[in-house]
């Protein structure tokens, strides 16, 4: 299946995507311009996002297509959010409310990844992450429903002070 086929299937099912661009030493110079020309308008129209671990890719694509949501994929959150991005996809185990608040002050999105544990999903939601990337969508849907109905100070404090269930 090609990316064109995958994108068409996602559009048919109204499934929003986060497309990952992986940089290699063999990439041609015009790769990002060609990607943007071929897919940029469709991704914008569908409300999709693009992210990459390569900050150069993020900055260049952000400049090429300011209306496309481009996120910097951070393996660990030991620094401030990236400046030339619409936000970050951040590995959840080092994600915390201070980092999320800093990103939100810059009007940036924060997506937590890959969160497959219900406790960690709850923590990401309590910390106000803008989204959760998971392999367990049904678990996430249950957690979202639970958080919406039981979003109390007490439940937030229990989740905050008892981090062990949040780890896989």
N, C-alpha and C. Protein backbone atom coordinates (compact mmCIF):
# COMPACT_ATOMS: atom_id res chain seq x y z
N UNK A 1 0.84 -1.17 0.00
CA UNK A 1 0.00 0.00 0.00
C UNK A 1 0.90 1.25 0.00
N UNK A 2 0.63 2.19 -0.86
CA UNK A 2 1.41 3.42 -0.94
C UNK A 2 0.85 4.45 0.05
N UNK A 3 1.61 5.52 0.26
CA UNK A 3 1.11 6.59 1.12
C UNK A 3 -0.14 7.23 0.51
N UNK A 4 -0.19 7.34 -0.81
CA UNK A 4 -1.39 7.86 -1.47
C UNK A 4 -2.62 7.02 -1.12
N UNK A 5 -2.47 5.70 -1.16
CA UNK A 5 -3.57 4.79 -0.80
C UNK A 5 -3.97 4.97 0.66
N UNK A 6 -2.97 5.04 1.52
CA UNK A 6 -3.22 5.19 2.96
C UNK A 6 -3.95 6.50 3.25
N UNK A 7 -3.49 7.57 2.63
CA UNK A 7 -4.12 8.88 2.82
C UNK A 7 -5.56 8.85 2.31
N UNK A 8 -5.79 8.23 1.17
CA UNK A 8 -7.15 8.12 0.63
C UNK A 8 -8.06 7.33 1.58
N UNK A 9 -7.54 6.24 2.15
CA UNK A 9 -8.34 5.45 3.10
C UNK A 9 -8.64 6.25 4.35
N UNK A 10 -7.67 7.01 4.84
CA UNK A 10 -7.90 7.85 6.02
C UNK A 10 -8.96 8.91 5.73
N UNK A 11 -8.89 9.50 4.56
CA UNK A 11 -9.89 10.52 4.17
C UNK A 11 -11.28 9.90 4.07
N UNK A 12 -11.36 8.71 3.49
CA UNK A 12 -12.65 8.04 3.34
C UNK A 12 -13.26 7.72 4.71
N UNK A 13 -12.42 7.41 5.69
CA UNK A 13 -12.89 7.07 7.04
C UNK A 13 -12.88 8.26 8.00
N UNK A 14 -12.59 9.44 7.47
CA UNK A 14 -12.54 10.67 8.29
C UNK A 14 -11.59 10.50 9.48
N UNK A 15 -10.47 9.82 9.23
CA UNK A 15 -9.46 9.58 10.26
C UNK A 15 -8.36 10.62 10.14
N UNK A 16 -8.20 11.41 11.19
CA UNK A 16 -7.11 12.39 11.19
C UNK A 16 -5.79 11.68 11.43
N UNK A 17 -4.73 12.23 10.85
CA UNK A 17 -3.41 11.59 10.90
C UNK A 17 -2.36 12.52 11.49
N UNK A 18 -1.33 11.89 12.04
CA UNK A 18 -0.07 12.56 12.32
C UNK A 18 0.94 11.81 11.46
N UNK A 19 1.42 12.47 10.40
CA UNK A 19 2.34 11.86 9.45
C UNK A 19 3.76 12.13 9.93
N UNK A 20 4.55 11.06 10.05
CA UNK A 20 5.93 11.23 10.50
C UNK A 20 6.87 11.26 9.30
N UNK A 21 7.68 12.30 9.24
CA UNK A 21 8.73 12.40 8.22
C UNK A 21 10.04 11.99 8.86
N UNK A 22 10.64 10.94 8.31
CA UNK A 22 11.90 10.43 8.84
C UNK A 22 13.03 10.84 7.91
N UNK A 23 13.97 11.57 8.44
CA UNK A 23 15.11 12.05 7.65
C UNK A 23 16.17 10.95 7.55
N UNK A 24 16.79 10.88 6.38
CA UNK A 24 17.92 9.96 6.18
C UNK A 24 19.02 10.73 5.46
N UNK A 25 20.23 10.23 5.49
CA UNK A 25 21.31 10.89 4.77
C UNK A 25 21.11 10.87 3.25
N UNK A 26 20.20 10.04 2.77
CA UNK A 26 19.99 9.86 1.34
C UNK A 26 18.84 10.71 0.79
N UNK A 27 18.23 11.55 1.62
CA UNK A 27 17.11 12.38 1.17
C UNK A 27 17.59 13.42 0.16
N UNK A 28 16.78 13.64 -0.86
CA UNK A 28 17.14 14.65 -1.86
C UNK A 28 16.82 16.04 -1.31
N UNK A 29 17.46 17.05 -1.89
CA UNK A 29 17.31 18.43 -1.41
C UNK A 29 15.87 18.93 -1.48
N UNK A 30 15.15 18.56 -2.49
CA UNK A 30 13.80 19.09 -2.68
C UNK A 30 12.70 18.25 -2.05
N UNK A 31 13.07 17.31 -1.19
CA UNK A 31 12.09 16.39 -0.61
C UNK A 31 10.93 17.11 0.07
N UNK A 32 11.22 18.03 0.95
CA UNK A 32 10.15 18.70 1.70
C UNK A 32 9.27 19.54 0.80
N UNK A 33 9.85 20.21 -0.18
CA UNK A 33 9.06 21.01 -1.12
C UNK A 33 8.13 20.11 -1.93
N UNK A 34 8.65 18.96 -2.39
CA UNK A 34 7.81 18.02 -3.15
C UNK A 34 6.71 17.43 -2.27
N UNK A 35 7.06 17.07 -1.03
CA UNK A 35 6.06 16.54 -0.10
C UNK A 35 4.96 17.57 0.13
N UNK A 36 5.36 18.80 0.38
CA UNK A 36 4.38 19.86 0.63
C UNK A 36 3.51 20.11 -0.60
N UNK A 37 4.12 20.13 -1.77
CA UNK A 37 3.37 20.37 -3.01
C UNK A 37 2.36 19.24 -3.25
N UNK A 38 2.78 18.02 -3.00
CA UNK A 38 1.92 16.88 -3.29
C UNK A 38 0.83 16.65 -2.24
N UNK A 39 1.17 16.87 -0.94
CA UNK A 39 0.25 16.49 0.12
C UNK A 39 -0.20 17.64 1.03
N UNK A 40 0.51 18.74 1.02
CA UNK A 40 0.25 19.82 1.96
C UNK A 40 -1.21 20.27 2.03
N UNK A 41 -1.79 20.61 0.89
CA UNK A 41 -3.17 21.11 0.87
C UNK A 41 -4.15 20.07 1.39
N UNK A 42 -3.95 18.80 1.03
CA UNK A 42 -4.83 17.73 1.51
C UNK A 42 -4.72 17.56 3.02
N UNK A 43 -3.50 17.58 3.52
CA UNK A 43 -3.30 17.42 4.96
C UNK A 43 -3.94 18.57 5.73
N UNK A 44 -3.78 19.79 5.23
CA UNK A 44 -4.41 20.96 5.86
C UNK A 44 -5.92 20.81 5.85
N UNK A 45 -6.48 20.48 4.69
CA UNK A 45 -7.94 20.34 4.54
C UNK A 45 -8.49 19.29 5.49
N UNK A 46 -7.76 18.19 5.68
CA UNK A 46 -8.22 17.09 6.53
C UNK A 46 -7.94 17.32 8.01
N UNK A 47 -7.22 18.39 8.35
CA UNK A 47 -6.88 18.64 9.75
C UNK A 47 -5.78 17.72 10.26
N UNK A 48 -4.97 17.20 9.33
CA UNK A 48 -3.88 16.31 9.71
C UNK A 48 -2.67 17.12 10.18
N UNK A 49 -1.73 16.42 10.79
CA UNK A 49 -0.50 17.04 11.26
C UNK A 49 0.69 16.27 10.73
N UNK A 50 1.84 16.90 10.76
CA UNK A 50 3.10 16.26 10.37
C UNK A 50 4.07 16.46 11.53
N UNK A 51 4.86 15.42 11.83
CA UNK A 51 5.91 15.59 12.83
C UNK A 51 7.17 14.88 12.39
N UNK A 52 8.28 15.30 13.01
CA UNK A 52 9.57 14.70 12.69
C UNK A 52 10.50 14.84 13.87
N UNK A 53 11.40 13.88 14.02
CA UNK A 53 12.49 13.97 15.01
C UNK A 53 13.59 14.92 14.53
N UNK A 54 13.58 15.24 13.24
CA UNK A 54 14.59 16.12 12.66
C UNK A 54 14.09 17.56 12.71
N UNK A 55 14.69 18.35 13.60
CA UNK A 55 14.24 19.73 13.78
C UNK A 55 14.40 20.56 12.51
N UNK A 56 15.41 20.27 11.70
CA UNK A 56 15.60 20.99 10.43
C UNK A 56 14.40 20.77 9.53
N UNK A 57 13.91 19.54 9.46
CA UNK A 57 12.70 19.24 8.67
C UNK A 57 11.51 20.03 9.20
N UNK A 58 11.35 20.05 10.51
CA UNK A 58 10.22 20.75 11.13
C UNK A 58 10.26 22.23 10.77
N UNK A 59 11.41 22.86 10.96
CA UNK A 59 11.53 24.30 10.69
C UNK A 59 11.30 24.61 9.21
N UNK A 60 11.88 23.81 8.31
CA UNK A 60 11.72 24.07 6.87
C UNK A 60 10.28 23.87 6.43
N UNK A 61 9.64 22.78 6.87
CA UNK A 61 8.26 22.53 6.47
C UNK A 61 7.32 23.58 7.06
N UNK A 62 7.61 24.02 8.27
CA UNK A 62 6.79 25.07 8.90
C UNK A 62 6.87 26.37 8.08
N UNK A 63 8.06 26.68 7.57
CA UNK A 63 8.21 27.88 6.74
C UNK A 63 7.57 27.69 5.36
N UNK A 64 7.67 26.49 4.79
CA UNK A 64 7.08 26.21 3.48
C UNK A 64 5.55 26.25 3.52
N UNK A 65 4.97 25.79 4.62
CA UNK A 65 3.52 25.66 4.71
C UNK A 65 3.04 26.10 6.09
N UNK A 66 2.93 27.41 6.32
CA UNK A 66 2.56 27.91 7.64
C UNK A 66 1.18 27.45 8.13
N UNK A 67 0.29 27.07 7.20
CA UNK A 67 -1.05 26.62 7.62
C UNK A 67 -1.08 25.14 8.01
N UNK A 68 -0.04 24.40 7.66
CA UNK A 68 0.05 22.99 8.02
C UNK A 68 0.55 22.89 9.46
N UNK A 69 -0.11 22.07 10.26
CA UNK A 69 0.33 21.88 11.65
C UNK A 69 1.55 20.97 11.65
N UNK A 70 2.71 21.54 12.04
CA UNK A 70 3.97 20.81 12.04
C UNK A 70 4.49 20.75 13.47
N UNK A 71 4.73 19.53 13.94
CA UNK A 71 5.15 19.29 15.31
C UNK A 71 6.56 18.72 15.35
N UNK A 72 7.29 19.07 16.40
CA UNK A 72 8.61 18.51 16.62
C UNK A 72 8.46 17.31 17.55
N UNK A 73 8.97 16.18 17.14
CA UNK A 73 8.87 14.94 17.91
C UNK A 73 10.07 14.89 18.86
N UNK A 74 9.78 14.98 20.14
CA UNK A 74 10.84 15.00 21.16
C UNK A 74 10.88 13.66 21.89
N UNK A 75 12.03 13.01 21.85
CA UNK A 75 12.16 11.73 22.53
C UNK A 75 12.12 11.91 24.05
N UNK A 76 12.72 12.97 24.55
CA UNK A 76 12.70 13.26 25.99
C UNK A 76 12.50 14.74 26.17
N UNK A 77 11.84 15.12 27.24
CA UNK A 77 11.44 16.50 27.45
C UNK A 77 12.30 17.17 28.52
N UNK A 78 13.58 17.28 28.26
CA UNK A 78 14.48 17.90 29.21
C UNK A 78 14.80 19.34 28.84
N UNK A 79 14.17 19.85 27.80
CA UNK A 79 14.37 21.23 27.37
C UNK A 79 13.01 21.89 27.21
N UNK A 80 13.02 23.13 26.80
CA UNK A 80 11.78 23.84 26.52
C UNK A 80 11.22 23.39 25.18
N UNK A 81 9.92 23.63 24.95
CA UNK A 81 9.33 23.29 23.66
C UNK A 81 10.05 23.99 22.51
N UNK A 82 10.06 23.34 21.36
CA UNK A 82 10.71 23.90 20.17
C UNK A 82 10.04 25.19 19.74
N UNK A 83 10.82 26.14 19.25
CA UNK A 83 10.27 27.44 18.86
C UNK A 83 9.61 27.43 17.48
N UNK A 84 10.27 26.86 16.48
CA UNK A 84 9.76 26.91 15.11
C UNK A 84 8.87 25.71 14.80
N UNK A 85 7.86 25.54 15.63
CA UNK A 85 6.92 24.43 15.43
C UNK A 85 5.57 24.85 15.99
N UNK A 86 4.54 24.18 15.54
CA UNK A 86 3.20 24.43 16.07
C UNK A 86 2.98 23.68 17.37
N UNK A 87 3.93 22.85 17.73
CA UNK A 87 3.84 22.09 18.96
C UNK A 87 4.80 20.93 18.92
N UNK A 88 4.57 20.00 19.85
CA UNK A 88 5.45 18.85 19.98
C UNK A 88 4.64 17.57 20.16
N UNK A 89 5.21 16.49 19.69
CA UNK A 89 4.79 15.17 20.12
C UNK A 89 5.90 14.74 21.07
N UNK A 90 5.52 14.40 22.29
CA UNK A 90 6.51 14.18 23.32
C UNK A 90 6.35 12.81 23.97
N UNK A 91 7.45 12.12 24.19
CA UNK A 91 7.43 10.83 24.86
C UNK A 91 6.86 11.04 26.26
N UNK A 92 5.85 10.26 26.60
CA UNK A 92 5.03 10.55 27.77
C UNK A 92 5.73 10.40 29.11
N UNK A 93 6.72 9.53 29.23
CA UNK A 93 7.27 9.24 30.56
C UNK A 93 8.03 10.43 31.16
N UNK A 94 8.48 11.36 30.34
CA UNK A 94 9.14 12.55 30.87
C UNK A 94 8.29 13.80 30.72
N UNK A 95 7.08 13.63 30.25
CA UNK A 95 6.16 14.75 30.06
C UNK A 95 5.55 15.14 31.40
N UNK A 96 5.42 16.44 31.65
CA UNK A 96 4.79 16.89 32.89
C UNK A 96 4.04 18.19 32.64
N UNK A 97 3.28 18.61 33.65
CA UNK A 97 2.44 19.80 33.48
C UNK A 97 3.26 21.07 33.25
N UNK A 98 4.48 21.15 33.77
CA UNK A 98 5.30 22.35 33.57
C UNK A 98 5.67 22.51 32.09
N UNK A 99 6.07 21.40 31.48
CA UNK A 99 6.43 21.41 30.06
C UNK A 99 5.20 21.77 29.23
N UNK A 100 4.06 21.15 29.54
CA UNK A 100 2.82 21.41 28.80
C UNK A 100 2.39 22.86 28.97
N UNK A 101 2.48 23.38 30.18
CA UNK A 101 2.13 24.78 30.41
C UNK A 101 3.03 25.72 29.62
N UNK A 102 4.33 25.40 29.57
CA UNK A 102 5.28 26.24 28.81
C UNK A 102 4.91 26.24 27.33
N UNK A 103 4.56 25.07 26.79
CA UNK A 103 4.15 24.99 25.39
C UNK A 103 2.86 25.76 25.15
N UNK A 104 1.91 25.62 26.04
CA UNK A 104 0.63 26.33 25.90
C UNK A 104 0.82 27.85 25.98
N UNK A 105 1.76 28.30 26.79
CA UNK A 105 2.03 29.74 26.84
C UNK A 105 2.56 30.25 25.51
N UNK A 106 3.17 29.38 24.72
CA UNK A 106 3.65 29.73 23.38
C UNK A 106 2.59 29.41 22.32
N UNK A 107 1.40 29.03 22.74
CA UNK A 107 0.30 28.66 21.85
C UNK A 107 0.66 27.46 20.99
N UNK A 108 1.32 26.48 21.62
CA UNK A 108 1.73 25.26 20.95
C UNK A 108 0.96 24.06 21.49
N UNK A 109 0.74 23.09 20.62
CA UNK A 109 0.09 21.84 21.00
C UNK A 109 1.10 20.90 21.64
N UNK A 110 0.60 20.01 22.50
CA UNK A 110 1.43 18.94 23.06
C UNK A 110 0.65 17.63 22.93
N UNK A 111 1.25 16.71 22.18
CA UNK A 111 0.67 15.38 22.01
C UNK A 111 1.58 14.38 22.73
N UNK A 112 1.03 13.58 23.63
CA UNK A 112 1.80 12.59 24.38
C UNK A 112 1.84 11.28 23.60
N UNK A 113 3.02 10.65 23.51
CA UNK A 113 3.14 9.36 22.80
C UNK A 113 4.00 8.39 23.56
N UNK A 114 4.06 7.19 23.21
CA UNK A 114 2.97 6.32 22.87
C UNK A 114 2.43 5.82 24.19
N UNK A 115 1.24 6.25 24.52
CA UNK A 115 0.65 6.03 25.84
C UNK A 115 -0.34 4.86 25.74
N UNK A 116 0.06 3.71 26.29
CA UNK A 116 -0.79 2.53 26.21
C UNK A 116 -1.29 2.08 27.58
N UNK A 117 -0.98 2.81 28.62
CA UNK A 117 -1.36 2.49 29.99
C UNK A 117 -2.46 3.46 30.43
N UNK A 118 -3.55 2.94 30.99
CA UNK A 118 -4.69 3.78 31.38
C UNK A 118 -4.28 4.87 32.38
N UNK A 119 -3.43 4.54 33.33
CA UNK A 119 -2.99 5.54 34.31
C UNK A 119 -2.20 6.66 33.67
N UNK A 120 -1.32 6.32 32.73
CA UNK A 120 -0.54 7.33 32.03
C UNK A 120 -1.43 8.18 31.12
N UNK A 121 -2.45 7.56 30.53
CA UNK A 121 -3.41 8.32 29.72
C UNK A 121 -4.11 9.36 30.59
N UNK A 122 -4.54 8.91 31.76
CA UNK A 122 -5.22 9.81 32.69
C UNK A 122 -4.31 10.96 33.09
N UNK A 123 -3.04 10.65 33.38
CA UNK A 123 -2.08 11.69 33.77
C UNK A 123 -1.90 12.70 32.65
N UNK A 124 -1.76 12.24 31.41
CA UNK A 124 -1.60 13.15 30.27
C UNK A 124 -2.81 14.07 30.14
N UNK A 125 -3.99 13.51 30.33
CA UNK A 125 -5.21 14.32 30.24
C UNK A 125 -5.30 15.31 31.40
N UNK A 126 -4.99 14.86 32.62
CA UNK A 126 -5.00 15.76 33.78
C UNK A 126 -3.97 16.88 33.63
N UNK A 127 -2.86 16.58 32.96
CA UNK A 127 -1.82 17.59 32.74
C UNK A 127 -2.14 18.50 31.55
N UNK A 128 -3.28 18.27 30.92
CA UNK A 128 -3.79 19.08 29.81
C UNK A 128 -3.02 18.91 28.51
N UNK A 129 -2.52 17.69 28.26
CA UNK A 129 -1.98 17.40 26.93
C UNK A 129 -3.12 17.57 25.93
N UNK A 130 -2.79 18.03 24.74
CA UNK A 130 -3.81 18.28 23.72
C UNK A 130 -4.25 17.00 23.02
N UNK A 131 -3.47 15.95 23.15
CA UNK A 131 -3.82 14.69 22.53
C UNK A 131 -2.96 13.58 23.07
N UNK A 132 -3.44 12.37 22.88
CA UNK A 132 -2.72 11.18 23.33
C UNK A 132 -2.60 10.23 22.14
N UNK A 133 -1.38 9.86 21.82
CA UNK A 133 -1.11 8.91 20.75
C UNK A 133 -0.98 7.55 21.41
N UNK A 134 -1.79 6.59 20.93
CA UNK A 134 -1.85 5.29 21.59
C UNK A 134 -2.07 4.17 20.57
N UNK A 135 -1.74 2.96 21.00
CA UNK A 135 -2.07 1.76 20.25
C UNK A 135 -3.37 1.14 20.78
N UNK A 136 -3.89 1.71 21.87
CA UNK A 136 -5.07 1.17 22.55
C UNK A 136 -6.19 2.20 22.60
N UNK A 137 -6.81 2.41 21.46
CA UNK A 137 -7.84 3.45 21.32
C UNK A 137 -9.03 3.18 22.23
N UNK A 138 -9.46 1.93 22.35
CA UNK A 138 -10.63 1.63 23.19
C UNK A 138 -10.33 1.96 24.66
N UNK A 139 -9.11 1.69 25.12
CA UNK A 139 -8.73 2.05 26.49
C UNK A 139 -8.74 3.56 26.65
N UNK A 140 -8.19 4.28 25.68
CA UNK A 140 -8.17 5.73 25.74
C UNK A 140 -9.59 6.30 25.79
N UNK A 141 -10.50 5.76 24.97
CA UNK A 141 -11.88 6.25 24.98
C UNK A 141 -12.53 6.05 26.35
N UNK A 142 -12.26 4.93 27.01
CA UNK A 142 -12.79 4.69 28.36
C UNK A 142 -12.21 5.69 29.36
N UNK A 143 -10.91 5.94 29.25
CA UNK A 143 -10.25 6.88 30.16
C UNK A 143 -10.79 8.29 29.95
N UNK A 144 -10.98 8.70 28.71
CA UNK A 144 -11.52 10.03 28.43
C UNK A 144 -12.90 10.18 29.06
N UNK A 145 -13.72 9.17 28.90
CA UNK A 145 -15.07 9.20 29.49
C UNK A 145 -14.99 9.29 31.02
N UNK A 146 -14.09 8.50 31.61
CA UNK A 146 -13.91 8.50 33.07
C UNK A 146 -13.42 9.87 33.56
N UNK A 147 -12.44 10.43 32.87
CA UNK A 147 -11.88 11.73 33.28
C UNK A 147 -12.95 12.82 33.17
N UNK A 148 -13.73 12.78 32.11
CA UNK A 148 -14.79 13.79 31.94
C UNK A 148 -15.84 13.72 33.04
N UNK A 149 -16.14 12.52 33.52
CA UNK A 149 -17.17 12.39 34.55
C UNK A 149 -16.62 12.51 35.96
N UNK A 150 -15.32 12.27 36.15
CA UNK A 150 -14.72 12.30 37.50
C UNK A 150 -13.56 13.28 37.60
N UNK A 151 -13.62 14.38 36.91
CA UNK A 151 -12.52 15.34 36.93
C UNK A 151 -12.65 16.22 38.17
N UNK A 152 -12.16 15.69 39.27
CA UNK A 152 -12.20 16.42 40.54
C UNK A 152 -10.79 16.68 41.02
N UNK A 153 -10.64 17.61 41.93
CA UNK A 153 -9.33 17.89 42.51
C UNK A 153 -8.79 16.63 43.18
N UNK A 154 -9.66 15.90 43.87
CA UNK A 154 -9.23 14.69 44.56
C UNK A 154 -8.67 13.66 43.57
N UNK A 155 -9.37 13.43 42.45
CA UNK A 155 -8.88 12.44 41.48
C UNK A 155 -7.58 12.90 40.84
N UNK A 156 -7.42 14.20 40.61
CA UNK A 156 -6.17 14.72 40.07
C UNK A 156 -5.01 14.52 41.05
N UNK A 157 -5.27 14.80 42.34
CA UNK A 157 -4.22 14.64 43.35
C UNK A 157 -3.82 13.18 43.53
N UNK A 158 -4.79 12.27 43.54
CA UNK A 158 -4.47 10.85 43.66
C UNK A 158 -3.61 10.42 42.48
N UNK A 159 -3.96 10.83 41.29
CA UNK A 159 -3.18 10.47 40.10
C UNK A 159 -1.80 11.11 40.13
N UNK A 160 -1.71 12.34 40.62
CA UNK A 160 -0.44 13.06 40.66
C UNK A 160 0.53 12.46 41.68
N UNK A 161 0.02 12.16 42.88
CA UNK A 161 0.90 11.68 43.95
C UNK A 161 1.12 10.17 43.93
N UNK A 162 0.46 9.47 43.05
CA UNK A 162 0.65 8.04 42.93
C UNK A 162 1.03 7.69 41.49
N UNK A 163 2.27 8.01 41.09
CA UNK A 163 2.65 7.84 39.68
C UNK A 163 2.90 6.40 39.26
N UNK A 164 3.05 5.47 40.19
CA UNK A 164 3.40 4.10 39.80
C UNK A 164 2.40 3.45 38.84
N UNK A 165 1.07 3.62 39.03
CA UNK A 165 0.17 3.00 38.06
C UNK A 165 0.28 3.62 36.67
N UNK A 166 0.94 4.77 36.54
CA UNK A 166 1.04 5.47 35.27
C UNK A 166 2.17 4.94 34.40
N UNK A 167 3.02 4.10 34.99
CA UNK A 167 4.14 3.55 34.24
C UNK A 167 3.76 2.19 33.70
N UNK A 168 4.32 1.84 32.56
CA UNK A 168 3.99 0.53 31.97
C UNK A 168 4.83 -0.55 32.60
